[in-house]
Amino acid sequence: MSEKVTADNNRSRNQALLNFVALPLILLTVALLGGLRVNAESGAFVFIPPPLITLVLAILLLLLFVRGGLVELHAWVAPHYSPLTNSTNILTLIALFFASAQAFNSVLPERGLLHWLFSFFFLWTLWNNQFSSFDERRLLRSLTVLFGTAFVLKHMLLASLYAPEGGWLKRIAGTLVQGISLGALDAPMFAPATGYIAFFTLVLYIISLSLMAFRGGPTTEGNRLLTPGEIK
């Protein structure tokens, strides 16, 4: 009996650590790093606030979380929870919203036609997914592919194309692209460290979503983590 009580207490403490410390901390870190860039010339940090379109995309993504079962609102906020628990859970959901907006911000080109092409790509994908059937795992796989594709296009393909230290072939290709598009495809240059920051940001974001999916699994007490309001 004592071993079972000890195991239950440890499980409850670990769950509280996950819900009220680890998850909010990861989301806040994503919200901070998503707008961080490194200037290519001076090496100084530049913070770019999330554009309005990223807030719209974050709202659509949160609606998709609710539809896919990744976020079950009744398990986060309920009348029988204490005011402190409800307040903490609401703040965590707000952190999830801003982390989602900054995740989009990290893979969107900062200006020009490419910014709107990427935005339309995200908007079209999320809007179509609102009418599709999703479960938690399929939603996570879809988001991983979505953000991964955008990351490769911006921080690997485009960054390589516009890199000033690239070879003559890259410089010619970049000049031709800018000339054909009349400068509409021009993009600000940042240091390579920006790509590493974006990669770390997206990894943390996917980890936070995975933690939420794991917590929202089967309802059998023996094989799932407790929801936030169930922790005593």
Protein backbone atom coordinates (compact mmCIF):
# COMPACT_ATOMS: atom_id res chain seq x y z
CA MET A 1 0.00 0.00 0.00
CA SER A 2 2.79 2.42 0.95
CA GLU A 3 4.57 1.76 -2.34
CA LYS A 4 1.39 2.54 -4.28
CA VAL A 5 0.89 5.77 -2.32
CA THR A 6 4.51 6.77 -2.97
CA ALA A 7 4.15 6.00 -6.67
CA ASP A 8 0.94 8.04 -6.88
CA ASN A 9 2.56 10.97 -5.08
CA ASN A 10 5.59 10.88 -7.39
CA ARG A 11 3.33 10.68 -10.41
CA SER A 12 1.33 13.65 -9.19
CA ARG A 13 4.49 15.70 -8.55
CA ASN A 14 5.91 14.86 -11.98
CA GLN A 15 2.61 15.79 -13.58
CA ALA A 16 2.53 19.11 -11.73
CA LEU A 17 6.12 19.79 -12.83
CA LEU A 18 5.14 19.11 -16.44
CA ASN A 19 1.91 21.12 -16.42
CA PHE A 20 2.90 24.15 -14.39
CA VAL A 21 6.66 24.49 -15.01
CA ALA A 22 8.02 22.62 -18.04
CA LEU A 23 5.22 23.23 -20.54
CA PRO A 24 4.77 26.98 -19.84
CA LEU A 25 8.54 27.47 -19.82
CA ILE A 26 8.95 25.76 -23.20
CA LEU A 27 6.09 27.80 -24.71
CA LEU A 28 7.50 31.08 -23.38
CA THR A 29 10.93 30.17 -24.77
CA VAL A 30 9.38 29.58 -28.20
CA ALA A 31 7.52 32.90 -27.96
CA LEU A 32 10.83 34.66 -27.25
CA LEU A 33 13.06 32.90 -29.79
CA GLY A 34 10.54 32.91 -32.67
CA GLY A 35 11.20 36.58 -33.43
CA LEU A 36 14.96 36.51 -32.80
CA ARG A 37 17.32 37.19 -35.70
CA VAL A 38 21.08 37.75 -35.89
CA ASN A 39 22.32 40.68 -38.00
CA ALA A 40 24.66 39.47 -40.73
CA GLU A 41 27.00 42.48 -40.49
CA SER A 42 27.22 43.38 -36.82
CA GLY A 43 26.19 40.04 -35.28
CA ALA A 44 23.72 41.88 -33.04
CA PHE A 45 20.44 40.32 -32.02
CA VAL A 46 17.34 41.72 -33.73
CA PHE A 47 13.85 41.01 -32.43
CA ILE A 48 11.08 41.06 -35.04
CA PRO A 49 7.56 41.20 -33.58
CA PRO A 50 5.00 38.78 -35.04
CA PRO A 51 3.17 40.24 -38.05
CA LEU A 52 -0.61 40.44 -37.94
CA ILE A 53 -0.94 37.48 -40.31
CA THR A 54 0.84 35.22 -37.80
CA LEU A 55 -1.81 36.03 -35.19
CA VAL A 56 -4.52 35.01 -37.66
CA LEU A 57 -2.63 31.81 -38.42
CA ALA A 58 -2.23 31.10 -34.69
CA ILE A 59 -6.00 31.41 -34.18
CA LEU A 60 -6.66 28.95 -37.00
CA LEU A 61 -4.07 26.59 -35.56
CA LEU A 62 -5.61 26.71 -32.08
CA LEU A 63 -9.02 25.93 -33.59
CA LEU A 64 -7.38 22.97 -35.28
CA PHE A 65 -5.94 21.87 -31.91
CA VAL A 66 -9.44 21.87 -30.43
CA ARG A 67 -10.92 19.98 -33.38
CA GLY A 68 -8.11 17.42 -33.34
CA GLY A 69 -8.39 16.82 -29.60
CA LEU A 70 -4.92 18.16 -28.83
CA VAL A 71 -6.53 20.79 -26.59
CA GLU A 72 -9.63 19.74 -24.69
CA LEU A 73 -10.96 22.94 -23.17
CA HIS A 74 -13.06 21.19 -20.53
CA ALA A 75 -9.88 19.54 -19.22
CA TRP A 76 -8.13 22.89 -18.90
CA VAL A 77 -10.83 25.21 -17.58
CA ALA A 78 -13.84 24.02 -15.56
CA PRO A 79 -16.08 25.37 -12.77
CA HIS A 80 -14.97 22.70 -10.30
CA TYR A 81 -11.28 23.64 -10.60
CA SER A 82 -9.75 26.08 -8.17
CA PRO A 83 -9.31 29.71 -9.33
CA LEU A 84 -5.53 29.25 -9.23
CA THR A 85 -5.69 26.16 -11.45
CA ASN A 86 -8.02 27.85 -13.95
CA SER A 87 -5.85 30.97 -14.04
CA THR A 88 -2.66 28.96 -14.58
CA ASN A 89 -4.23 26.91 -17.36
CA ILE A 90 -5.60 30.00 -19.10
CA LEU A 91 -2.15 31.60 -19.01
CA THR A 92 -0.66 28.41 -20.48
CA LEU A 93 -3.18 28.51 -23.34
CA ILE A 94 -2.30 32.17 -23.95
CA ALA A 95 1.38 31.17 -24.04
CA LEU A 96 0.46 28.46 -26.56
CA PHE A 97 -1.20 31.09 -28.76
CA PHE A 98 1.82 33.39 -28.81
CA ALA A 99 4.22 30.46 -29.21
CA SER A 100 2.22 29.36 -32.27
CA ALA A 101 2.36 32.88 -33.72
CA GLN A 102 6.12 33.03 -33.17
CA ALA A 103 6.61 29.59 -34.69
CA PHE A 104 5.06 30.97 -37.88
CA ASN A 105 7.15 34.12 -37.51
CA SER A 106 10.35 32.07 -37.44
CA VAL A 107 9.70 30.53 -40.87
CA LEU A 108 8.05 33.46 -42.66
CA PRO A 109 10.23 35.70 -44.84
CA GLU A 110 10.34 39.14 -43.28
CA ARG A 111 9.05 41.16 -46.24
CA GLY A 112 8.24 41.20 -49.92
CA LEU A 113 6.32 38.85 -52.14
CA LEU A 114 7.82 35.77 -50.50
CA HIS A 115 6.31 36.84 -47.18
CA TRP A 116 2.82 36.82 -48.67
CA LEU A 117 3.41 33.64 -50.67
CA PHE A 118 4.42 31.80 -47.49
CA SER A 119 1.51 33.36 -45.59
CA PHE A 120 -0.97 32.27 -48.24
CA PHE A 121 0.53 28.76 -48.16
CA PHE A 122 -0.02 28.53 -44.39
CA LEU A 123 -3.45 30.16 -44.54
CA TRP A 124 -4.69 27.88 -47.30
CA THR A 125 -3.37 24.75 -45.58
CA LEU A 126 -4.84 25.58 -42.15
CA TRP A 127 -8.19 26.65 -43.61
CA ASN A 128 -8.56 23.40 -45.59
CA ASN A 129 -7.57 21.38 -42.53
CA GLN A 130 -10.46 22.91 -40.59
CA PHE A 131 -12.75 20.65 -42.63
CA SER A 132 -10.60 17.52 -42.46
CA SER A 133 -10.68 14.67 -39.96
CA PHE A 134 -7.74 14.77 -37.57
CA ASP A 135 -6.54 12.97 -34.51
CA GLU A 136 -3.67 14.07 -32.28
CA ARG A 137 -0.91 12.01 -33.91
CA ARG A 138 -1.94 12.82 -37.45
CA LEU A 139 -2.14 16.50 -36.53
CA LEU A 140 1.36 16.42 -35.05
CA ARG A 141 2.78 14.70 -38.13
CA SER A 142 1.07 17.22 -40.40
CA LEU A 143 2.41 20.20 -38.44
CA THR A 144 5.92 18.73 -38.38
CA VAL A 145 5.89 18.41 -42.16
CA LEU A 146 4.33 21.88 -42.57
CA PHE A 147 6.87 23.72 -40.43
CA GLY A 148 9.73 21.55 -41.67
CA THR A 149 8.95 22.39 -45.30
CA ALA A 150 8.78 26.11 -44.55
CA PHE A 151 12.04 25.93 -42.59
CA VAL A 152 13.90 24.23 -45.44
CA LEU A 153 12.56 26.74 -47.98
CA LYS A 154 13.46 29.84 -45.94
CA HIS A 155 16.55 28.99 -43.92
CA MET A 156 18.24 26.61 -46.34
CA LEU A 157 17.10 27.26 -49.91
CA LEU A 158 16.45 31.02 -49.83
CA ALA A 159 19.29 31.73 -47.38
CA SER A 160 21.69 29.88 -49.65
CA LEU A 161 20.38 31.65 -52.74
CA TYR A 162 20.84 35.14 -51.31
CA ALA A 163 24.02 34.45 -49.31
CA PRO A 164 26.68 37.05 -50.24
CA GLU A 165 29.50 34.56 -49.57
CA GLY A 166 28.02 32.01 -51.98
CA GLY A 167 29.65 30.96 -55.24
CA TRP A 168 29.31 32.81 -58.52
CA LEU A 169 26.49 30.52 -59.66
CA LYS A 170 24.44 31.33 -56.57
CA ARG A 171 25.07 35.05 -56.99
CA ILE A 172 23.99 34.94 -60.63
CA ALA A 173 20.85 32.94 -59.76
CA GLY A 174 19.98 35.38 -56.97
CA THR A 175 20.49 38.37 -59.27
CA LEU A 176 18.33 36.80 -61.98
CA VAL A 177 15.53 36.05 -59.51
CA GLN A 178 15.56 39.62 -58.21
CA GLY A 179 15.68 41.02 -61.74
CA ILE A 180 12.78 38.91 -63.03
CA SER A 181 10.66 39.72 -59.97
CA LEU A 182 11.64 43.44 -60.05
CA GLY A 183 12.89 43.17 -56.47
CA ALA A 184 9.63 41.74 -55.13
CA LEU A 185 11.44 38.58 -53.99
CA ASP A 186 14.14 40.49 -52.16
CA ALA A 187 14.67 39.42 -48.55
CA PRO A 188 16.79 40.81 -45.70
CA MET A 189 19.98 38.93 -44.98
CA PHE A 190 20.69 37.50 -41.53
CA ALA A 191 23.60 35.55 -40.12
CA PRO A 192 23.55 31.73 -40.41
CA ALA A 193 22.97 31.58 -36.65
CA THR A 194 19.40 32.71 -37.34
CA GLY A 195 18.67 29.36 -38.97
CA TYR A 196 19.94 27.49 -35.92
CA ILE A 197 17.76 29.61 -33.65
CA ALA A 198 14.73 28.93 -35.84
CA PHE A 199 15.48 25.20 -35.87
CA PHE A 200 15.78 25.11 -32.07
CA THR A 201 12.56 27.11 -31.77
CA LEU A 202 10.57 24.72 -33.97
CA VAL A 203 11.97 21.67 -32.17
CA LEU A 204 10.86 23.11 -28.83
CA TYR A 205 7.45 23.92 -30.27
CA ILE A 206 6.90 20.38 -31.57
CA ILE A 207 8.09 19.01 -28.21
CA SER A 208 5.53 21.14 -26.38
CA LEU A 209 2.75 19.89 -28.67
CA SER A 210 3.92 16.32 -28.14
CA LEU A 211 3.73 16.78 -24.37
CA MET A 212 0.18 18.07 -24.72
CA ALA A 213 -0.76 15.14 -26.96
CA PHE A 214 0.72 12.65 -24.51
CA ARG A 215 -1.24 14.19 -21.68
CA GLY A 216 -4.46 14.07 -23.69
CA GLY A 217 -4.28 10.35 -24.45
CA PRO A 218 -6.56 7.50 -23.32
CA THR A 219 -8.69 8.24 -20.29
CA THR A 220 -7.70 5.17 -18.32
CA GLU A 221 -5.99 6.30 -15.14
CA GLY A 222 -3.29 3.68 -15.45
CA ASN A 223 -1.99 4.68 -18.88
CA ARG A 224 -2.27 8.45 -19.13
CA LEU A 225 -1.03 11.58 -17.47
CA LEU A 226 -3.43 13.64 -15.45
CA THR A 227 -5.04 16.67 -17.04
CA PRO A 228 -4.15 20.01 -15.42
CA GLY A 229 -7.23 20.27 -13.23
CA GLU A 230 -6.96 16.69 -11.95
CA ILE A 231 -3.79 17.33 -9.99
CA LYS A 232 -4.53 17.59 -6.31
